[in-house]
Amino acid sequence: MIYGRRRDRRRVGWYSPCDVISSDAAALKALFEPAWAAIRAGGPRLGWGMRLTPLFPEPWPDPTEIVVFAYACCLAIGVSDGENVSRPLAVAHLRAGSGPRVDGLSGALEKLGVQGIRPLRGDEIELMRASTAIQEELAGSPGTLSERVIAYYRHWLGVSGLIAASLPESQQRFFAAIRGTARRSGGTRE
């Protein structure tokens, strides 16, 4: 369940009392519907649909909340292995002990470029099947990067490089940690 208190779960880590838990994508998308409706009202957006990034710790390396970004995508005419993606439209801030807050980042849909797409390999399919549990693991302990978290976010970076490069500096620091450019305590890479 993403939206609504989970009184029946044992509280572990700083994230668990939060009103938003990552396993219900529909509830997360609902947070962004007002921002998406405002952008669609600005003119025809034939074929464009809203997508969400995975959850990210914010700020990195000492997170106090989780964020998720909304962006848009549509088919790229004449391209068989890519789709158009927009700049991020809005960001939701999910913090322990408070309701979610959504901030608009753009009042209009701005095409960022064409993001390549390809079929998933067997190991990537398994990562995607486990994405909810992996994101909940990160949300439960956002300063710790397990091997499974690192593998999932490395995969996401590999298939979502265009949108990833357009995210703010704090996410770029997180991506650097995922890519292993610096060390973090406990033997995990940052």
N, C-alpha and C. Protein backbone atom coordinates (compact mmCIF):
# COMPACT_ATOMS: atom_id res chain seq x y z
N MET A 1 0.85 -1.18 0.00
CA MET A 1 0.00 0.00 0.00
C MET A 1 0.89 1.23 0.00
N ILE A 2 0.60 2.20 -0.83
CA ILE A 2 1.40 3.42 -0.86
C ILE A 2 0.82 4.50 0.01
N TYR A 3 -0.46 4.72 -0.09
CA TYR A 3 -1.01 5.87 0.59
C TYR A 3 -1.93 5.42 1.71
N GLY A 4 -1.73 5.93 2.88
CA GLY A 4 -2.51 5.55 4.04
C GLY A 4 -1.62 4.91 5.09
N ARG A 5 -1.94 5.13 6.33
CA ARG A 5 -1.12 4.60 7.42
C ARG A 5 -1.21 3.09 7.47
N ARG A 6 -0.13 2.50 7.81
CA ARG A 6 -0.09 1.05 7.97
C ARG A 6 0.13 0.76 9.44
N ARG A 7 -0.92 0.74 10.20
CA ARG A 7 -0.83 0.55 11.64
C ARG A 7 -0.52 -0.89 12.02
N ASP A 8 -0.77 -1.80 11.08
CA ASP A 8 -0.59 -3.22 11.40
C ASP A 8 0.85 -3.69 11.21
N ARG A 9 1.74 -2.87 10.66
CA ARG A 9 3.11 -3.30 10.42
C ARG A 9 4.00 -2.84 11.56
N ARG A 10 4.98 -3.65 11.84
CA ARG A 10 5.98 -3.29 12.83
C ARG A 10 6.78 -2.11 12.29
N ARG A 11 7.03 -1.11 13.10
CA ARG A 11 7.75 0.07 12.65
C ARG A 11 9.24 -0.18 12.74
N VAL A 12 9.87 -0.14 11.59
CA VAL A 12 11.31 -0.36 11.48
C VAL A 12 11.89 0.79 10.67
N GLY A 13 12.96 1.40 11.14
CA GLY A 13 13.60 2.47 10.39
C GLY A 13 12.81 3.76 10.46
N TRP A 14 13.38 4.80 9.92
CA TRP A 14 12.74 6.11 9.98
C TRP A 14 11.58 6.24 9.02
N TYR A 15 11.51 5.42 7.99
CA TYR A 15 10.52 5.58 6.94
C TYR A 15 9.18 4.95 7.27
N SER A 16 9.14 3.93 8.08
CA SER A 16 7.92 3.17 8.27
C SER A 16 6.73 3.96 8.79
N PRO A 17 6.88 4.99 9.64
CA PRO A 17 5.70 5.72 10.05
C PRO A 17 5.15 6.64 8.96
N CYS A 18 5.85 6.75 7.85
CA CYS A 18 5.44 7.64 6.77
C CYS A 18 4.07 7.24 6.23
N ASP A 19 3.33 8.21 5.75
CA ASP A 19 2.01 7.96 5.18
C ASP A 19 2.08 7.29 3.81
N VAL A 20 3.25 7.20 3.21
CA VAL A 20 3.36 6.66 1.87
C VAL A 20 4.35 5.50 1.87
N ILE A 21 3.90 4.34 1.45
CA ILE A 21 4.74 3.16 1.33
C ILE A 21 4.74 2.79 -0.15
N SER A 22 5.85 2.29 -0.65
CA SER A 22 6.08 2.25 -2.09
C SER A 22 5.41 1.14 -2.88
N SER A 23 4.61 0.29 -2.30
CA SER A 23 4.15 -0.87 -3.06
C SER A 23 2.86 -0.66 -3.84
N ASP A 24 2.28 0.52 -3.88
CA ASP A 24 1.06 0.76 -4.63
C ASP A 24 1.30 1.88 -5.64
N ALA A 25 1.70 1.51 -6.84
CA ALA A 25 2.03 2.49 -7.87
C ALA A 25 0.84 3.38 -8.22
N ALA A 26 -0.38 2.84 -8.19
CA ALA A 26 -1.56 3.63 -8.51
C ALA A 26 -1.74 4.78 -7.52
N ALA A 27 -1.49 4.54 -6.25
CA ALA A 27 -1.62 5.61 -5.25
C ALA A 27 -0.54 6.66 -5.45
N LEU A 28 0.67 6.24 -5.81
CA LEU A 28 1.72 7.21 -6.10
C LEU A 28 1.34 8.06 -7.30
N LYS A 29 0.86 7.43 -8.37
CA LYS A 29 0.44 8.18 -9.56
C LYS A 29 -0.66 9.17 -9.21
N ALA A 30 -1.57 8.78 -8.32
CA ALA A 30 -2.67 9.66 -7.93
C ALA A 30 -2.16 10.96 -7.30
N LEU A 31 -1.02 10.90 -6.61
CA LEU A 31 -0.44 12.11 -6.04
C LEU A 31 -0.13 13.15 -7.12
N PHE A 32 0.24 12.66 -8.30
CA PHE A 32 0.67 13.54 -9.38
C PHE A 32 -0.47 13.95 -10.33
N GLU A 33 -1.64 13.38 -10.17
CA GLU A 33 -2.74 13.67 -11.10
C GLU A 33 -3.06 15.16 -11.24
N PRO A 34 -3.11 15.96 -10.16
CA PRO A 34 -3.40 17.38 -10.35
C PRO A 34 -2.35 18.08 -11.24
N ALA A 35 -1.07 17.80 -11.03
CA ALA A 35 -0.02 18.40 -11.86
C ALA A 35 -0.14 17.94 -13.30
N TRP A 36 -0.42 16.66 -13.51
CA TRP A 36 -0.56 16.11 -14.85
C TRP A 36 -1.78 16.71 -15.55
N ALA A 37 -2.89 16.86 -14.82
CA ALA A 37 -4.10 17.46 -15.40
C ALA A 37 -3.85 18.90 -15.82
N ALA A 38 -3.09 19.65 -15.04
CA ALA A 38 -2.78 21.04 -15.38
C ALA A 38 -1.95 21.11 -16.66
N ILE A 39 -1.03 20.20 -16.82
CA ILE A 39 -0.19 20.19 -18.03
C ILE A 39 -1.02 19.80 -19.25
N ARG A 40 -1.88 18.80 -19.09
CA ARG A 40 -2.74 18.40 -20.21
C ARG A 40 -3.70 19.51 -20.60
N ALA A 41 -4.15 20.31 -19.63
CA ALA A 41 -5.08 21.41 -19.91
C ALA A 41 -4.41 22.51 -20.73
N GLY A 42 -3.08 22.56 -20.71
CA GLY A 42 -2.35 23.58 -21.44
C GLY A 42 -2.33 23.36 -22.95
N GLY A 43 -2.84 22.29 -23.43
CA GLY A 43 -2.87 22.03 -24.87
C GLY A 43 -2.93 20.55 -25.15
N PRO A 44 -3.16 20.19 -26.39
CA PRO A 44 -3.27 18.77 -26.72
C PRO A 44 -1.95 18.04 -26.52
N ARG A 45 -2.01 16.92 -25.89
CA ARG A 45 -0.83 16.10 -25.62
C ARG A 45 -1.09 14.69 -26.10
N LEU A 46 -1.43 14.58 -27.36
CA LEU A 46 -1.80 13.30 -27.95
C LEU A 46 -0.69 12.27 -27.78
N GLY A 47 -1.02 11.17 -27.16
CA GLY A 47 -0.08 10.06 -27.02
C GLY A 47 0.83 10.12 -25.82
N TRP A 48 0.91 11.25 -25.14
CA TRP A 48 1.79 11.36 -23.97
C TRP A 48 1.11 10.75 -22.75
N GLY A 49 1.88 10.03 -21.95
CA GLY A 49 1.38 9.45 -20.71
C GLY A 49 2.36 9.71 -19.58
N MET A 50 1.85 9.73 -18.38
CA MET A 50 2.70 10.00 -17.21
C MET A 50 3.42 8.73 -16.77
N ARG A 51 4.67 8.88 -16.38
CA ARG A 51 5.47 7.81 -15.79
C ARG A 51 6.12 8.33 -14.52
N LEU A 52 6.53 7.39 -13.68
CA LEU A 52 7.21 7.74 -12.43
C LEU A 52 8.59 7.11 -12.40
N THR A 53 9.51 7.81 -11.77
CA THR A 53 10.82 7.23 -11.49
C THR A 53 10.66 6.30 -10.30
N PRO A 54 11.70 5.52 -10.00
CA PRO A 54 11.68 4.80 -8.72
C PRO A 54 11.83 5.80 -7.57
N LEU A 55 11.72 5.30 -6.37
CA LEU A 55 11.95 6.12 -5.18
C LEU A 55 13.44 6.42 -5.05
N PHE A 56 13.76 7.63 -4.59
CA PHE A 56 15.15 8.01 -4.35
C PHE A 56 15.29 8.60 -2.95
N PRO A 57 16.41 8.31 -2.27
CA PRO A 57 16.67 8.97 -0.98
C PRO A 57 17.03 10.43 -1.23
N GLU A 58 16.61 11.32 -0.33
CA GLU A 58 16.83 12.76 -0.51
C GLU A 58 17.12 13.40 0.84
N PRO A 59 18.12 14.23 1.00
CA PRO A 59 19.24 14.41 0.06
C PRO A 59 20.26 13.30 0.26
N TRP A 60 21.08 13.09 -0.70
CA TRP A 60 22.13 12.08 -0.59
C TRP A 60 23.42 12.79 -0.21
N PRO A 61 24.19 12.29 0.74
CA PRO A 61 24.22 10.94 1.29
C PRO A 61 23.54 10.80 2.65
N ASP A 62 22.89 11.83 3.17
CA ASP A 62 22.24 11.76 4.48
C ASP A 62 20.75 12.02 4.34
N PRO A 63 19.99 11.03 3.84
CA PRO A 63 18.59 11.26 3.51
C PRO A 63 17.70 11.50 4.73
N THR A 64 16.74 12.40 4.53
CA THR A 64 15.71 12.68 5.53
C THR A 64 14.32 12.40 4.97
N GLU A 65 14.26 12.10 3.68
CA GLU A 65 12.99 11.79 3.05
C GLU A 65 13.24 10.97 1.78
N ILE A 66 12.15 10.56 1.17
CA ILE A 66 12.19 9.83 -0.10
C ILE A 66 11.49 10.72 -1.12
N VAL A 67 12.01 10.74 -2.35
CA VAL A 67 11.35 11.50 -3.41
C VAL A 67 11.10 10.59 -4.61
N VAL A 68 10.10 10.95 -5.38
CA VAL A 68 9.80 10.28 -6.65
C VAL A 68 9.39 11.38 -7.63
N PHE A 69 9.82 11.25 -8.87
CA PHE A 69 9.56 12.25 -9.89
C PHE A 69 8.57 11.72 -10.92
N ALA A 70 7.73 12.61 -11.43
CA ALA A 70 6.83 12.29 -12.54
C ALA A 70 7.39 12.94 -13.80
N TYR A 71 7.29 12.22 -14.91
CA TYR A 71 7.66 12.74 -16.21
C TYR A 71 6.69 12.14 -17.21
N ALA A 72 6.81 12.53 -18.47
CA ALA A 72 5.89 12.01 -19.49
C ALA A 72 6.67 11.32 -20.60
N CYS A 73 5.99 10.44 -21.32
CA CYS A 73 6.61 9.75 -22.45
C CYS A 73 5.55 9.50 -23.52
N CYS A 74 6.02 9.32 -24.76
CA CYS A 74 5.14 8.94 -25.86
C CYS A 74 5.99 8.27 -26.93
N LEU A 75 5.33 7.60 -27.86
CA LEU A 75 6.04 6.95 -28.95
C LEU A 75 6.81 7.98 -29.77
N ALA A 76 8.00 7.61 -30.18
CA ALA A 76 8.80 8.45 -31.07
C ALA A 76 8.52 7.99 -32.49
N ILE A 77 7.87 8.82 -33.26
CA ILE A 77 7.49 8.46 -34.63
C ILE A 77 8.74 8.16 -35.45
N GLY A 78 8.72 7.01 -36.14
CA GLY A 78 9.83 6.62 -36.99
C GLY A 78 10.99 5.97 -36.25
N VAL A 79 10.84 5.77 -34.95
CA VAL A 79 11.89 5.13 -34.15
C VAL A 79 11.33 3.84 -33.57
N SER A 80 11.98 2.72 -33.84
CA SER A 80 11.45 1.45 -33.36
C SER A 80 11.99 1.05 -31.99
N ASP A 81 13.06 1.68 -31.55
CA ASP A 81 13.67 1.28 -30.28
C ASP A 81 13.87 2.47 -29.34
N GLY A 82 12.88 3.36 -29.30
CA GLY A 82 12.97 4.51 -28.42
C GLY A 82 11.62 5.17 -28.23
N GLU A 83 11.55 6.02 -27.23
CA GLU A 83 10.34 6.80 -26.97
C GLU A 83 10.74 8.19 -26.54
N ASN A 84 9.88 9.17 -26.81
CA ASN A 84 10.11 10.53 -26.36
C ASN A 84 9.90 10.59 -24.85
N VAL A 85 10.74 11.31 -24.16
CA VAL A 85 10.54 11.56 -22.73
C VAL A 85 10.62 13.06 -22.48
N SER A 86 9.91 13.50 -21.44
CA SER A 86 9.89 14.91 -21.08
C SER A 86 10.83 15.15 -19.90
N ARG A 87 11.07 16.42 -19.66
CA ARG A 87 11.75 16.80 -18.41
C ARG A 87 10.82 16.43 -17.25
N PRO A 88 11.36 16.26 -16.05
CA PRO A 88 10.48 15.98 -14.91
C PRO A 88 9.42 17.07 -14.75
N LEU A 89 8.21 16.65 -14.46
CA LEU A 89 7.07 17.55 -14.34
C LEU A 89 6.81 17.95 -12.89
N ALA A 90 7.04 17.02 -11.98
CA ALA A 90 6.73 17.25 -10.56
C ALA A 90 7.53 16.27 -9.72
N VAL A 91 7.65 16.58 -8.44
CA VAL A 91 8.34 15.70 -7.49
C VAL A 91 7.45 15.55 -6.25
N ALA A 92 7.34 14.33 -5.74
CA ALA A 92 6.63 14.08 -4.48
C ALA A 92 7.66 13.84 -3.40
N HIS A 93 7.49 14.52 -2.27
CA HIS A 93 8.35 14.37 -1.11
C HIS A 93 7.61 13.52 -0.08
N LEU A 94 8.21 12.42 0.32
CA LEU A 94 7.60 11.48 1.25
C LEU A 94 8.47 11.43 2.50
N ARG A 95 7.92 11.92 3.60
CA ARG A 95 8.70 12.04 4.83
C ARG A 95 7.97 11.38 5.98
N ALA A 96 8.73 10.74 6.83
CA ALA A 96 8.16 10.08 8.01
C ALA A 96 7.35 11.07 8.84
N GLY A 97 6.17 10.64 9.27
CA GLY A 97 5.37 11.44 10.17
C GLY A 97 4.58 12.55 9.52
N SER A 98 4.60 12.67 8.19
CA SER A 98 3.82 13.72 7.54
C SER A 98 3.26 13.19 6.23
N GLY A 99 2.28 13.88 5.74
CA GLY A 99 1.67 13.50 4.47
C GLY A 99 2.59 13.85 3.31
N PRO A 100 2.34 13.28 2.16
CA PRO A 100 3.16 13.57 0.99
C PRO A 100 2.94 15.01 0.51
N ARG A 101 3.99 15.58 -0.06
CA ARG A 101 3.94 16.92 -0.64
C ARG A 101 4.41 16.84 -2.08
N VAL A 102 3.63 17.37 -3.01
CA VAL A 102 3.99 17.37 -4.42
C VAL A 102 4.31 18.78 -4.85
N ASP A 103 5.46 18.97 -5.46
CA ASP A 103 5.87 20.27 -6.00
C ASP A 103 5.96 20.17 -7.51
N GLY A 104 5.33 21.11 -8.20
CA GLY A 104 5.44 21.17 -9.64
C GLY A 104 6.83 21.65 -10.04
N LEU A 105 7.40 21.07 -11.07
CA LEU A 105 8.71 21.48 -11.57
C LEU A 105 8.60 22.19 -12.91
N SER A 106 7.49 22.01 -13.60
CA SER A 106 7.29 22.61 -14.91
C SER A 106 5.80 22.79 -15.14
N GLY A 107 5.43 23.92 -15.71
CA GLY A 107 4.03 24.16 -16.02
C GLY A 107 3.66 23.69 -17.41
N ALA A 108 4.65 23.18 -18.14
CA ALA A 108 4.40 22.73 -19.51
C ALA A 108 5.22 21.48 -19.78
N LEU A 109 4.74 20.70 -20.72
CA LEU A 109 5.46 19.50 -21.12
C LEU A 109 6.62 19.92 -22.03
N GLU A 110 7.84 19.62 -21.61
CA GLU A 110 9.04 19.96 -22.37
C GLU A 110 9.72 18.66 -22.79
N LYS A 111 9.76 18.40 -24.09
CA LYS A 111 10.41 17.19 -24.59
C LYS A 111 11.90 17.27 -24.30
N LEU A 112 12.40 16.22 -23.66
CA LEU A 112 13.81 16.13 -23.33
C LEU A 112 14.59 15.47 -24.47
N GLY A 113 14.01 14.46 -25.08
CA GLY A 113 14.67 13.74 -26.16
C GLY A 113 14.10 12.35 -26.30
N VAL A 114 14.81 11.50 -27.04
CA VAL A 114 14.39 10.12 -27.25
C VAL A 114 15.23 9.21 -26.36
N GLN A 115 14.54 8.44 -25.54
CA GLN A 115 15.17 7.47 -24.64
C GLN A 115 15.08 6.11 -25.30
N GLY A 116 16.19 5.43 -25.44
CA GLY A 116 16.19 4.10 -26.04
C GLY A 116 15.43 3.10 -25.19
N ILE A 117 14.84 2.12 -25.84
CA ILE A 117 14.18 1.01 -25.15
C ILE A 117 14.66 -0.29 -25.78
N ARG A 118 14.64 -1.35 -24.99
CA ARG A 118 15.07 -2.66 -25.48
C ARG A 118 14.41 -3.73 -24.63
N PRO A 119 14.38 -4.96 -25.14
CA PRO A 119 13.83 -6.05 -24.33
C PRO A 119 14.70 -6.29 -23.09
N LEU A 120 14.08 -6.74 -22.03
CA LEU A 120 14.81 -7.06 -20.81
C LEU A 120 15.41 -8.45 -20.91
N ARG A 121 16.61 -8.60 -20.33
CA ARG A 121 17.24 -9.92 -20.21
C ARG A 121 16.65 -10.63 -18.99
N GLY A 122 16.93 -11.92 -18.86
CA GLY A 122 16.37 -12.73 -17.78
C GLY A 122 16.64 -12.19 -16.39
N ASP A 123 17.88 -11.79 -16.11
CA ASP A 123 18.21 -11.26 -14.78
C ASP A 123 17.52 -9.92 -14.54
N GLU A 124 17.31 -9.14 -15.60
CA GLU A 124 16.62 -7.86 -15.47
C GLU A 124 15.14 -8.06 -15.20
N ILE A 125 14.57 -9.09 -15.78
CA ILE A 125 13.16 -9.41 -15.52
C ILE A 125 12.97 -9.70 -14.04
N GLU A 126 13.88 -10.46 -13.46
CA GLU A 126 13.80 -10.78 -12.03
C GLU A 126 13.92 -9.51 -11.18
N LEU A 127 14.83 -8.61 -11.55
CA LEU A 127 14.96 -7.33 -10.83
C LEU A 127 13.66 -6.54 -10.90
N MET A 128 13.05 -6.48 -12.07
CA MET A 128 11.82 -5.73 -12.22
C MET A 128 10.67 -6.35 -11.43
N ARG A 129 10.63 -7.66 -11.37
CA ARG A 129 9.61 -8.34 -10.56
C ARG A 129 9.78 -8.02 -9.08
N ALA A 130 11.01 -7.79 -8.67
CA ALA A 130 11.31 -7.50 -7.26
C ALA A 130 11.38 -6.00 -6.98
N SER A 131 11.03 -5.16 -7.95
CA SER A 131 11.25 -3.71 -7.79
C SER A 131 10.52 -3.12 -6.59
N THR A 132 9.30 -3.55 -6.33
CA THR A 132 8.57 -3.02 -5.18
C THR A 132 9.30 -3.34 -3.88
N ALA A 133 9.70 -4.58 -3.71
CA ALA A 133 10.41 -4.98 -2.48
C ALA A 133 11.76 -4.26 -2.38
N ILE A 134 12.43 -4.08 -3.50
CA ILE A 134 13.73 -3.41 -3.48
C ILE A 134 13.56 -1.94 -3.10
N GLN A 135 12.56 -1.28 -3.65
CA GLN A 135 12.33 0.12 -3.31
C GLN A 135 11.90 0.27 -1.85
N GLU A 136 11.11 -0.68 -1.36
CA GLU A 136 10.73 -0.64 0.06
C GLU A 136 11.95 -0.87 0.95
N GLU A 137 12.87 -1.72 0.51
CA GLU A 137 14.12 -1.93 1.25
C GLU A 137 14.90 -0.62 1.33
N LEU A 138 15.04 0.07 0.22
CA LEU A 138 15.75 1.35 0.21
C LEU A 138 15.02 2.36 1.09
N ALA A 139 13.70 2.42 0.98
CA ALA A 139 12.92 3.37 1.77
C ALA A 139 13.03 3.08 3.26
N GLY A 140 13.12 1.81 3.64
CA GLY A 140 13.23 1.44 5.05
C GLY A 140 14.58 1.77 5.65
N SER A 141 15.59 1.84 4.83
CA SER A 141 16.95 2.15 5.29
C SER A 141 17.66 2.93 4.18
N PRO A 142 17.24 4.19 3.96
CA PRO A 142 17.67 4.92 2.77
C PRO A 142 19.15 5.27 2.70
N GLY A 143 19.87 5.19 3.78
CA GLY A 143 21.30 5.48 3.74
C GLY A 143 22.16 4.25 3.48
N THR A 144 21.53 3.09 3.35
CA THR A 144 22.25 1.84 3.16
C THR A 144 21.98 1.29 1.77
N LEU A 145 23.05 0.90 1.08
CA LEU A 145 22.91 0.37 -0.27
C LEU A 145 23.29 -1.10 -0.29
N SER A 146 22.28 -1.97 -0.27
CA SER A 146 22.55 -3.40 -0.36
C SER A 146 22.92 -3.74 -1.80
N GLU A 147 23.44 -4.92 -2.01
CA GLU A 147 23.79 -5.35 -3.38
C GLU A 147 22.55 -5.38 -4.28
N ARG A 148 21.42 -5.78 -3.72
CA ARG A 148 20.18 -5.84 -4.49
C ARG A 148 19.71 -4.43 -4.88
N VAL A 149 19.81 -3.49 -3.97
CA VAL A 149 19.45 -2.10 -4.27
C VAL A 149 20.38 -1.55 -5.35
N ILE A 150 21.66 -1.79 -5.20
CA ILE A 150 22.64 -1.31 -6.19
C ILE A 150 22.34 -1.91 -7.56
N ALA A 151 22.06 -3.20 -7.63
CA ALA A 151 21.76 -3.85 -8.92
C ALA A 151 20.51 -3.26 -9.55
N TYR A 152 19.47 -3.04 -8.77
CA TYR A 152 18.23 -2.49 -9.31
C TYR A 152 18.44 -1.08 -9.86
N TYR A 153 19.07 -0.22 -9.08
CA TYR A 153 19.25 1.16 -9.53
C TYR A 153 20.29 1.27 -10.65
N ARG A 154 21.28 0.39 -10.69
CA ARG A 154 22.18 0.36 -11.85
C ARG A 154 21.41 -0.01 -13.11
N HIS A 155 20.52 -0.98 -12.99
CA HIS A 155 19.69 -1.34 -14.14
C HIS A 155 18.84 -0.15 -14.57
N TRP A 156 18.18 0.51 -13.63
CA TRP A 156 17.33 1.65 -13.96
C TRP A 156 18.14 2.73 -14.67
N LEU A 157 19.34 3.01 -14.16
CA LEU A 157 20.20 4.00 -14.82
C LEU A 157 20.56 3.56 -16.24
N GLY A 158 20.76 2.26 -16.43
CA GLY A 158 21.12 1.76 -17.74
C GLY A 158 20.03 1.88 -18.78
N VAL A 159 18.78 1.83 -18.35
CA VAL A 159 17.67 1.92 -19.30
C VAL A 159 16.94 3.26 -19.25
N SER A 160 17.34 4.13 -18.33
CA SER A 160 16.66 5.42 -18.14
C SER A 160 17.64 6.57 -18.06
N GLY A 161 18.73 6.46 -18.78
CA GLY A 161 19.80 7.46 -18.67
C GLY A 161 19.40 8.88 -18.98
N LEU A 162 18.52 9.07 -19.96
CA LEU A 162 18.12 10.43 -20.34
C LEU A 162 17.35 11.11 -19.23
N ILE A 163 16.34 10.44 -18.68
CA ILE A 163 15.58 11.04 -17.58
C ILE A 163 16.45 11.15 -16.33
N ALA A 164 17.30 10.16 -16.07
CA ALA A 164 18.17 10.21 -14.90
C ALA A 164 19.09 11.43 -14.95
N ALA A 165 19.63 11.73 -16.12
CA ALA A 165 20.55 12.87 -16.26
C ALA A 165 19.86 14.20 -16.04
N SER A 166 18.53 14.24 -16.15
CA SER A 166 17.80 15.49 -15.99
C SER A 166 17.36 15.75 -14.55
N LEU A 167 17.61 14.81 -13.65
CA LEU A 167 17.20 14.97 -12.25
C LEU A 167 18.19 15.86 -11.50
N PRO A 168 17.76 16.42 -10.36
CA PRO A 168 18.60 17.37 -9.60
C PRO A 168 19.90 16.77 -9.05
N GLU A 169 20.74 17.64 -8.55
CA GLU A 169 22.08 17.29 -8.07
C GLU A 169 22.07 16.21 -6.99
N SER A 170 21.11 16.25 -6.07
CA SER A 170 21.08 15.24 -5.01
C SER A 170 20.93 13.84 -5.60
N GLN A 171 20.10 13.70 -6.64
CA GLN A 171 19.95 12.39 -7.28
C GLN A 171 21.23 12.03 -8.04
N GLN A 172 21.92 13.00 -8.58
CA GLN A 172 23.19 12.72 -9.27
C GLN A 172 24.22 12.17 -8.29
N ARG A 173 24.21 12.68 -7.04
CA ARG A 173 25.11 12.14 -6.01
C ARG A 173 24.73 10.71 -5.66
N PHE A 174 23.42 10.44 -5.59
CA PHE A 174 22.95 9.07 -5.35
C PHE A 174 23.38 8.16 -6.49
N PHE A 175 23.23 8.61 -7.73
CA PHE A 175 23.63 7.80 -8.88
C PHE A 175 25.13 7.53 -8.86
N ALA A 176 25.92 8.52 -8.44
CA ALA A 176 27.37 8.30 -8.32
C ALA A 176 27.65 7.19 -7.30
N ALA A 177 26.90 7.17 -6.21
CA ALA A 177 27.06 6.11 -5.21
C ALA A 177 26.69 4.76 -5.81
N ILE A 178 25.61 4.73 -6.57
CA ILE A 178 25.16 3.48 -7.20
C ILE A 178 26.20 2.99 -8.21
N ARG A 179 26.78 3.91 -8.93
CA ARG A 179 27.80 3.54 -9.92
C ARG A 179 29.12 3.14 -9.27
N GLY A 180 29.27 3.43 -7.97
CA GLY A 180 30.46 3.00 -7.25
C GLY A 180 31.64 3.93 -7.35
N THR A 181 31.38 5.24 -7.48
CA THR A 181 32.48 6.18 -7.63
C THR A 181 33.08 6.64 -6.31
N ALA A 182 32.46 6.30 -5.20
CA ALA A 182 32.99 6.69 -3.89
C ALA A 182 32.65 5.59 -2.89
N ARG A 183 33.29 5.59 -1.75
CA ARG A 183 33.04 4.59 -0.71
C ARG A 183 32.12 5.12 0.36
N ARG A 184 31.31 4.22 0.94
CA ARG A 184 30.44 4.53 2.07
C ARG A 184 30.72 3.48 3.16
N SER A 185 30.44 3.82 4.37
CA SER A 185 30.71 2.89 5.47
C SER A 185 29.98 1.58 5.28
N GLY A 186 30.48 0.54 5.90
CA GLY A 186 29.85 -0.77 5.84
C GLY A 186 30.24 -1.56 4.61
N GLY A 187 31.21 -1.05 3.86
CA GLY A 187 31.68 -1.79 2.71
C GLY A 187 30.87 -1.60 1.44
N THR A 188 29.73 -0.88 1.54
CA THR A 188 28.99 -0.64 0.30
C THR A 188 29.57 0.55 -0.40
N ARG A 189 29.42 0.57 -1.68
CA ARG A 189 29.99 1.67 -2.48
C ARG A 189 29.02 2.85 -2.50
N GLU A 190 29.62 4.01 -2.61
CA GLU A 190 28.82 5.22 -2.76
C GLU A 190 29.20 5.91 -4.03
